């Protein structure tokens, strides 16, 4: 294999002397080790050889990997997350947490000043936070099995979507014909801010790994449901009620105006973004 090739692998990652499982693509293995997360998407993951998506020592082994043959790679702390640095342990005032409506508890993961850390201790007025990577200072055992090499342009686009927008329940419809690709965005993703950011990265990566391809990203916005028409008897009854209440006839209320405006917006034509 060469740099830029797309592959699918199953993997597991264990850390420390006890080789504790911390991540895997196998749902059953995750359940057996009590790390299953219903929000995660399990199954083989897509990786691009030479794209720095995994540690270099692991990436280097891809070029010699064989389909369905397990490979084990042992990484020292320096080859993985680095050594623990005492300078990455910081003291914060208790007030900083209260300002963000956080009730600090030892072991809690927090995000402060654009950094992710873990609370080590809480004392009167002070909170100690460790900003080292969770697996810093630990040996990593990474096992993977090459499942397939992706050559089809359509499958490459789907892989790039998965890498840039890893939402388990998002199902994109992709077609690739000639030197053009068309991506239909699912309903749930159209207004997702994460997708709005991922879309630009996706376009850049398709241009990089499928040079010469034109890209169409389609987001269809269908009209809303039309309101039911009132029967003539219902209209007459409504008119009579207005007269009894002293309300003027044939004057649309604010709700009707809002409904008309909403209908106008909803009936816009589908949009299609082309790159």
Foldseek 3Di string as FASTA:
>chain_A
DDALWKFWKWKWKFKAPVRQTDDTLDQVVCVVNVNHDPQAHHDIAMDGQPPPPAQPVVSVCVVVADAQDKDKDKAFLVSHQEAFDPVQKDKDFPVVCVVVVHDDDAQDWDADPNAIWGWHDDDVGITITGRRPPRHRIMMMMMMGTHGIDDDLQVVLVNLCCVLPVGNPWDWDWDDDDQEIEIEGDPVCPPPVSVVVSVVVSVVVCCVSRPPHKYKYWYFQAFDDDDDDDDPVVVVVVVVVCVVVVHDPPDDDPVVVVVVVNRVVSHDGTDMDID
